[in-house]
Amino acid sequence: MAAMKPVRLTQFSGPDAGWDRALRALAPGHAPAFQQAALYGTLAATRGRRVLRLEITHEGRRIALAQMIGRGGLWLLSRGPVFAPGLDRDSQIAVLRRIARRWGIVLATPDAPLAGGGLVPLITPRHHALWSLQPETEALRAGLAGKWRNRLAAAERAGLQVRIEPEIDWLLAADAAQQRARGYRALPPGFTRAWADHGPSDLLAMRIEDAKGQRLAGGIFLFHGAGASYHIGWTGPEGRASGAHNLMLWHAALRLKARGIRQLDLGAVDSEDGAGRMRFKLGTGAQPHSLGATLWVLPG
């Protein structure tokens, strides 16, 4: 730990594009979560939140970047910091504790499990399904689970239509109704609208319809660097029967891959989120990835 004493924190004051470039340079090929993307911080600032972007260096070398959102008297560090590849556990802990020493009460949810002195776990880790889009298209399709691939093929044979969705309000309304029915909460509709307004090229909305133009399924995907997140998904009863959601997600993956997206975060796959949704996400060939616990970081 003594080697980490020269850790230096500097506020990053450059433009949003500069922050995203810094993330890419720090961890080439890595896909940080959207909570560390510049646009996420910009949108938080428009809602009156405090936003702090930190560059952490050691002996002149950048070893981490962290975007934090201030709420009341504390700072939330979600899915971060983004560490330089190969940075050891003790150094990662030292970075977090140095941040808390400088900025006060910090609650952090690292993007991977992290435990040690000065890190007090408050909420148990969750698991997300991460789908690598790097294989060639044939290999990507071969990686689908058998039942998942069969439902996709059935939807293709049925002649369902894949459309880009320019109007997302109906999807936001359908998602809000879905949240009420299932008893969970997510980011508010205003966040998605603001993302679409501020970064229209960083959002993909799609719908699936039948031959009569009836909506069967829809989804919204957010882009952030080399990664994307499956932000909202909805399917009606007819869509579930016809495999419309499989078709929508497959075509979304192809579009993301063509854009250069390397990884699609399909969201949580914990048991409380439903066995059916877990099987659907993992049926793509996505791998479960454990996030870190939510931690109260004690000053170092």
Protein backbone atom coordinates (compact mmCIF):
# COMPACT_ATOMS: atom_id res chain seq x y z
CA MET A 1 0.00 0.00 0.00
CA ALA A 2 2.93 2.35 0.60
CA ALA A 3 3.57 2.48 -3.13
CA MET A 4 0.16 4.08 -3.61
CA LYS A 5 0.84 7.14 -1.41
CA PRO A 6 1.63 9.39 -4.41
CA VAL A 7 -1.87 8.81 -5.89
CA ARG A 8 -3.12 12.14 -7.20
CA LEU A 9 -6.69 13.21 -7.88
CA THR A 10 -7.41 15.85 -10.50
CA GLN A 11 -10.80 17.15 -11.56
CA PHE A 12 -11.34 16.50 -15.26
CA SER A 13 -12.58 19.76 -16.77
CA GLY A 14 -12.48 18.99 -20.49
CA PRO A 15 -15.47 18.56 -22.81
CA ASP A 16 -17.69 15.47 -22.85
CA ALA A 17 -15.92 14.12 -25.92
CA GLY A 18 -12.61 14.44 -24.09
CA TRP A 19 -13.90 12.37 -21.18
CA ASP A 20 -15.07 9.59 -23.49
CA ARG A 21 -11.74 9.67 -25.34
CA ALA A 22 -9.93 9.39 -22.01
CA LEU A 23 -12.00 6.30 -21.11
CA ARG A 24 -11.12 4.66 -24.44
CA ALA A 25 -7.44 5.48 -24.02
CA LEU A 26 -7.32 4.19 -20.45
CA ALA A 27 -8.85 0.79 -21.23
CA PRO A 28 -8.81 0.11 -25.00
CA GLY A 29 -11.45 -2.38 -26.03
CA HIS A 30 -13.17 -2.21 -22.64
CA ALA A 31 -16.83 -1.16 -22.55
CA PRO A 32 -17.51 0.94 -19.44
CA ALA A 33 -21.10 1.04 -18.18
CA PHE A 34 -23.27 3.95 -19.30
CA GLN A 35 -23.10 5.39 -15.76
CA GLN A 36 -19.47 6.31 -16.49
CA ALA A 37 -20.19 7.81 -19.94
CA ALA A 38 -20.01 11.57 -20.35
CA LEU A 39 -23.62 11.86 -21.50
CA TYR A 40 -24.88 10.27 -18.28
CA GLY A 41 -23.10 12.91 -16.24
CA THR A 42 -24.30 15.70 -18.51
CA LEU A 43 -27.91 14.59 -18.10
CA ALA A 44 -27.50 14.36 -14.32
CA ALA A 45 -26.23 17.94 -14.31
CA THR A 46 -29.28 19.12 -16.27
CA ARG A 47 -31.44 17.62 -13.49
CA GLY A 48 -29.60 19.69 -10.89
CA ARG A 49 -27.22 17.00 -9.65
CA ARG A 50 -23.61 17.68 -8.85
CA VAL A 51 -21.28 15.88 -11.25
CA LEU A 52 -17.62 15.23 -10.54
CA ARG A 53 -15.19 13.65 -13.00
CA LEU A 54 -11.86 12.58 -11.57
CA GLU A 55 -8.59 11.56 -13.15
CA ILE A 56 -6.44 9.45 -10.83
CA THR A 57 -2.72 9.21 -11.52
CA HIS A 58 0.21 7.47 -9.87
CA GLU A 59 3.76 8.57 -10.57
CA GLY A 60 2.53 10.48 -13.61
CA ARG A 61 0.57 7.54 -15.08
CA ARG A 62 -3.21 7.58 -15.35
CA ILE A 63 -4.54 4.55 -13.48
CA ALA A 64 -8.26 5.30 -13.14
CA LEU A 65 -11.15 7.57 -14.12
CA ALA A 66 -14.26 8.05 -12.03
CA GLN A 67 -17.51 9.93 -12.65
CA MET A 68 -19.53 10.56 -9.49
CA ILE A 69 -23.00 12.03 -8.99
CA GLY A 70 -23.68 14.10 -5.87
CA ARG A 71 -26.95 13.58 -4.04
CA GLY A 72 -27.47 15.46 -0.81
CA GLY A 73 -24.40 15.00 1.33
CA LEU A 74 -22.97 11.99 -0.47
CA TRP A 75 -21.41 10.94 -3.76
CA LEU A 76 -22.58 7.96 -5.81
CA LEU A 77 -19.96 6.17 -7.89
CA SER A 78 -21.89 3.70 -10.07
CA ARG A 79 -20.13 0.98 -12.08
CA GLY A 80 -16.78 2.61 -11.46
CA PRO A 81 -14.05 3.67 -11.22
CA VAL A 82 -12.80 2.57 -14.62
CA PHE A 83 -9.36 1.18 -13.85
CA ALA A 84 -6.35 0.72 -16.09
CA PRO A 85 -6.06 -2.93 -17.21
CA GLY A 86 -4.12 -5.06 -14.78
CA LEU A 87 -4.29 -2.66 -11.85
CA ASP A 88 -4.00 -4.81 -8.72
CA ARG A 89 -6.68 -5.08 -6.03
CA ASP A 90 -4.77 -3.17 -3.35
CA SER A 91 -4.21 -0.29 -5.75
CA GLN A 92 -7.91 -0.25 -6.67
CA ILE A 93 -8.87 -0.08 -3.01
CA ALA A 94 -6.33 2.68 -2.43
CA VAL A 95 -7.86 4.70 -5.27
CA LEU A 96 -11.35 4.41 -3.79
CA ARG A 97 -10.22 5.31 -0.29
CA ARG A 98 -8.22 8.26 -1.60
CA ILE A 99 -11.38 9.53 -3.33
CA ALA A 100 -13.31 9.23 -0.05
CA ARG A 101 -10.54 11.01 1.84
CA ARG A 102 -10.81 13.96 -0.52
CA TRP A 103 -14.55 14.06 -1.23
CA GLY A 104 -16.28 12.69 1.87
CA ILE A 105 -19.12 10.18 1.93
CA VAL A 106 -18.78 7.92 -1.12
CA LEU A 107 -21.03 4.98 -1.99
CA ALA A 108 -19.44 2.96 -4.79
CA THR A 109 -20.68 0.03 -6.85
CA PRO A 110 -17.60 -1.21 -8.72
CA ASP A 111 -18.05 -2.90 -12.08
CA ALA A 112 -16.43 -6.07 -10.67
CA PRO A 113 -16.22 -7.58 -7.18
CA LEU A 114 -13.89 -5.71 -4.84
CA ALA A 115 -13.41 -6.25 -1.11
CA GLY A 116 -10.85 -5.30 1.47
CA GLY A 117 -10.03 -2.98 4.32
CA GLY A 118 -11.99 0.26 4.31
CA LEU A 119 -14.77 -1.06 2.06
CA VAL A 120 -18.00 -1.71 3.94
CA PRO A 121 -20.55 -3.73 1.89
CA LEU A 122 -24.10 -2.35 2.09
CA ILE A 123 -25.95 -4.10 -0.76
CA THR A 124 -25.08 -7.54 -2.12
CA PRO A 125 -23.69 -7.78 -5.66
CA ARG A 126 -25.96 -8.16 -8.67
CA HIS A 127 -25.27 -10.02 -11.87
CA HIS A 128 -25.65 -8.72 -15.41
CA ALA A 129 -25.74 -10.62 -18.69
CA LEU A 130 -22.94 -9.36 -20.96
CA TRP A 131 -23.23 -10.40 -24.62
CA SER A 132 -20.03 -10.18 -26.63
CA LEU A 133 -20.76 -9.00 -30.17
CA GLN A 134 -17.20 -9.54 -31.37
CA PRO A 135 -17.67 -12.96 -33.07
CA GLU A 136 -18.55 -13.06 -36.75
CA THR A 137 -22.29 -13.06 -37.47
CA GLU A 138 -22.43 -16.80 -38.18
CA ALA A 139 -20.62 -17.60 -34.96
CA LEU A 140 -22.83 -15.16 -33.05
CA ARG A 141 -25.94 -16.95 -34.29
CA ALA A 142 -24.42 -20.36 -33.60
CA GLY A 143 -23.87 -19.19 -30.02
CA LEU A 144 -27.61 -18.78 -29.44
CA ALA A 145 -29.25 -21.43 -27.27
CA GLY A 146 -31.24 -23.97 -29.31
CA LYS A 147 -34.70 -22.91 -28.16
CA TRP A 148 -33.79 -19.24 -28.49
CA ARG A 149 -32.55 -19.76 -32.06
CA ASN A 150 -35.66 -21.78 -32.94
CA ARG A 151 -37.95 -18.98 -31.78
CA LEU A 152 -35.91 -16.51 -33.82
CA ALA A 153 -36.23 -18.69 -36.91
CA ALA A 154 -39.98 -19.04 -36.36
CA ALA A 155 -40.37 -15.25 -36.16
CA GLU A 156 -38.36 -14.87 -39.37
CA ARG A 157 -40.55 -17.43 -41.18
CA ALA A 158 -43.68 -15.64 -39.96
CA GLY A 159 -42.64 -12.53 -41.88
CA LEU A 160 -42.60 -10.16 -38.92
CA GLN A 161 -41.30 -6.70 -39.80
CA VAL A 162 -38.33 -5.03 -38.12
CA ARG A 163 -38.62 -1.25 -37.95
CA ILE A 164 -36.56 1.60 -36.58
CA GLU A 165 -38.81 3.45 -34.11
CA PRO A 166 -38.62 7.25 -34.37
CA GLU A 167 -41.35 7.80 -31.74
CA ILE A 168 -40.35 6.44 -28.35
CA ASP A 169 -43.17 7.83 -26.21
CA TRP A 170 -45.35 4.73 -26.60
CA LEU A 171 -42.41 2.55 -25.57
CA LEU A 172 -41.79 4.68 -22.49
CA ALA A 173 -45.48 4.45 -21.56
CA ALA A 174 -45.49 0.68 -22.09
CA ASP A 175 -42.36 0.35 -19.94
CA ALA A 176 -43.90 2.45 -17.15
CA ALA A 177 -46.98 0.19 -17.15
CA GLN A 178 -44.69 -2.86 -17.11
CA GLN A 179 -42.81 -1.50 -14.10
CA ARG A 180 -46.06 -0.99 -12.19
CA ALA A 181 -47.27 -4.48 -13.05
CA ARG A 182 -44.01 -6.16 -12.01
CA GLY A 183 -43.35 -3.93 -9.01
CA TYR A 184 -39.96 -2.48 -9.86
CA ARG A 185 -38.53 0.95 -10.62
CA ALA A 186 -36.01 2.09 -13.20
CA LEU A 187 -34.70 5.38 -14.55
CA PRO A 188 -37.58 7.79 -15.26
CA PRO A 189 -38.90 8.35 -18.80
CA GLY A 190 -37.43 11.85 -18.75
CA PHE A 191 -33.93 10.36 -18.63
CA THR A 192 -34.50 8.39 -21.84
CA ARG A 193 -36.06 11.38 -23.61
CA ALA A 194 -33.13 13.56 -22.56
CA TRP A 195 -30.65 10.94 -23.80
CA ALA A 196 -32.44 10.88 -27.16
CA ASP A 197 -32.42 14.70 -27.34
CA HIS A 198 -28.79 15.20 -26.31
CA GLY A 199 -27.30 12.17 -28.07
CA PRO A 200 -29.64 11.02 -30.85
CA SER A 201 -26.85 9.06 -32.52
CA ASP A 202 -26.27 7.18 -29.25
CA LEU A 203 -29.75 5.69 -28.99
CA LEU A 204 -31.39 2.94 -31.04
CA ALA A 205 -35.14 2.34 -30.77
CA MET A 206 -36.77 -0.54 -32.63
CA ARG A 207 -40.18 -2.15 -32.98
CA ILE A 208 -41.48 -5.40 -34.41
CA GLU A 209 -44.86 -5.47 -36.11
CA ASP A 210 -47.01 -8.01 -37.90
CA ALA A 211 -48.31 -7.81 -41.46
CA LYS A 212 -51.17 -5.55 -40.32
CA GLY A 213 -48.79 -3.07 -38.68
CA GLN A 214 -49.68 -4.09 -35.13
CA ARG A 215 -46.86 -3.52 -32.64
CA LEU A 216 -45.67 -6.78 -31.15
CA ALA A 217 -42.43 -5.78 -29.39
CA GLY A 218 -40.04 -2.88 -28.99
CA GLY A 219 -36.78 -1.93 -27.37
CA ILE A 220 -34.42 0.96 -26.66
CA PHE A 221 -30.63 0.61 -26.60
CA LEU A 222 -28.14 3.19 -25.34
CA PHE A 223 -24.62 3.45 -26.80
CA HIS A 224 -21.62 4.37 -24.66
CA GLY A 225 -18.18 4.01 -26.15
CA ALA A 226 -17.49 0.43 -27.24
CA GLY A 227 -20.52 -0.80 -25.28
CA ALA A 228 -24.29 -0.58 -25.39
CA SER A 229 -27.02 -1.24 -22.84
CA TYR A 230 -30.42 -2.85 -23.34
CA HIS A 231 -32.30 -0.03 -21.67
CA ILE A 232 -35.99 -0.81 -22.25
CA GLY A 233 -37.76 -3.85 -23.65
CA TRP A 234 -41.46 -4.54 -24.12
CA THR A 235 -43.43 -7.39 -25.67
CA GLY A 236 -47.19 -7.86 -25.91
CA PRO A 237 -48.98 -11.24 -25.64
CA GLU A 238 -48.95 -11.76 -29.43
CA GLY A 239 -45.26 -10.87 -29.50
CA ARG A 240 -44.42 -13.43 -26.83
CA ALA A 241 -46.28 -16.10 -28.78
CA SER A 242 -44.54 -15.27 -32.06
CA GLY A 243 -40.93 -14.78 -30.93
CA ALA A 244 -41.04 -11.07 -31.76
CA HIS A 245 -38.71 -10.16 -28.92
CA ASN A 246 -36.10 -12.63 -30.13
CA LEU A 247 -36.26 -11.07 -33.58
CA MET A 248 -35.97 -7.54 -32.19
CA LEU A 249 -32.97 -8.33 -30.00
CA TRP A 250 -31.18 -10.23 -32.77
CA HIS A 251 -31.55 -7.40 -35.27
CA ALA A 252 -30.50 -4.89 -32.62
CA ALA A 253 -27.34 -6.94 -32.01
CA LEU A 254 -26.55 -6.93 -35.74
CA ARG A 255 -26.97 -3.15 -35.95
CA LEU A 256 -24.83 -2.60 -32.86
CA LYS A 257 -22.15 -4.92 -34.21
CA ALA A 258 -22.11 -3.05 -37.53
CA ARG A 259 -21.55 0.18 -35.62
CA GLY A 260 -18.52 -1.26 -33.86
CA ILE A 261 -20.14 -2.02 -30.50
CA ARG A 262 -18.19 -4.82 -28.85
CA GLN A 263 -20.46 -5.69 -25.92
CA LEU A 264 -24.18 -5.45 -25.13
CA ASP A 265 -25.19 -5.28 -21.47
CA LEU A 266 -28.57 -7.03 -21.27
CA GLY A 267 -29.15 -6.03 -17.65
CA ALA A 268 -29.75 -7.93 -14.44
CA VAL A 269 -30.05 -11.72 -14.33
CA ASP A 270 -30.66 -12.26 -10.63
CA SER A 271 -33.34 -14.66 -9.46
CA GLU A 272 -35.66 -11.94 -8.22
CA ASP A 273 -35.82 -10.53 -11.75
CA GLY A 274 -37.64 -13.66 -12.96
CA ALA A 275 -36.44 -17.02 -14.26
CA GLY A 276 -38.02 -16.44 -17.67
CA ARG A 277 -36.23 -13.14 -18.25
CA MET A 278 -32.98 -14.70 -17.04
CA ARG A 279 -33.29 -17.59 -19.52
CA PHE A 280 -34.15 -15.17 -22.34
CA LYS A 281 -31.07 -13.01 -21.74
CA LEU A 282 -28.64 -15.88 -21.24
CA GLY A 283 -30.14 -17.68 -24.24
CA THR A 284 -28.34 -15.18 -26.47
CA GLY A 285 -25.04 -16.67 -25.38
CA ALA A 286 -24.44 -13.78 -22.97
CA GLN A 287 -22.34 -14.56 -19.92
CA PRO A 288 -23.36 -13.69 -16.35
CA HIS A 289 -21.04 -11.09 -14.85
CA SER A 290 -20.91 -10.24 -11.17
CA LEU A 291 -20.84 -6.56 -10.29
CA GLY A 292 -19.29 -5.46 -7.05
CA ALA A 293 -21.32 -4.96 -3.91
CA THR A 294 -22.47 -1.44 -3.14
CA LEU A 295 -19.80 -0.19 -0.74
CA TRP A 296 -19.46 2.54 1.80
CA VAL A 297 -15.89 3.67 1.20
CA LEU A 298 -14.00 4.75 4.30
CA PRO A 299 -11.36 7.45 3.86
CA GLY A 300 -7.86 6.09 3.31
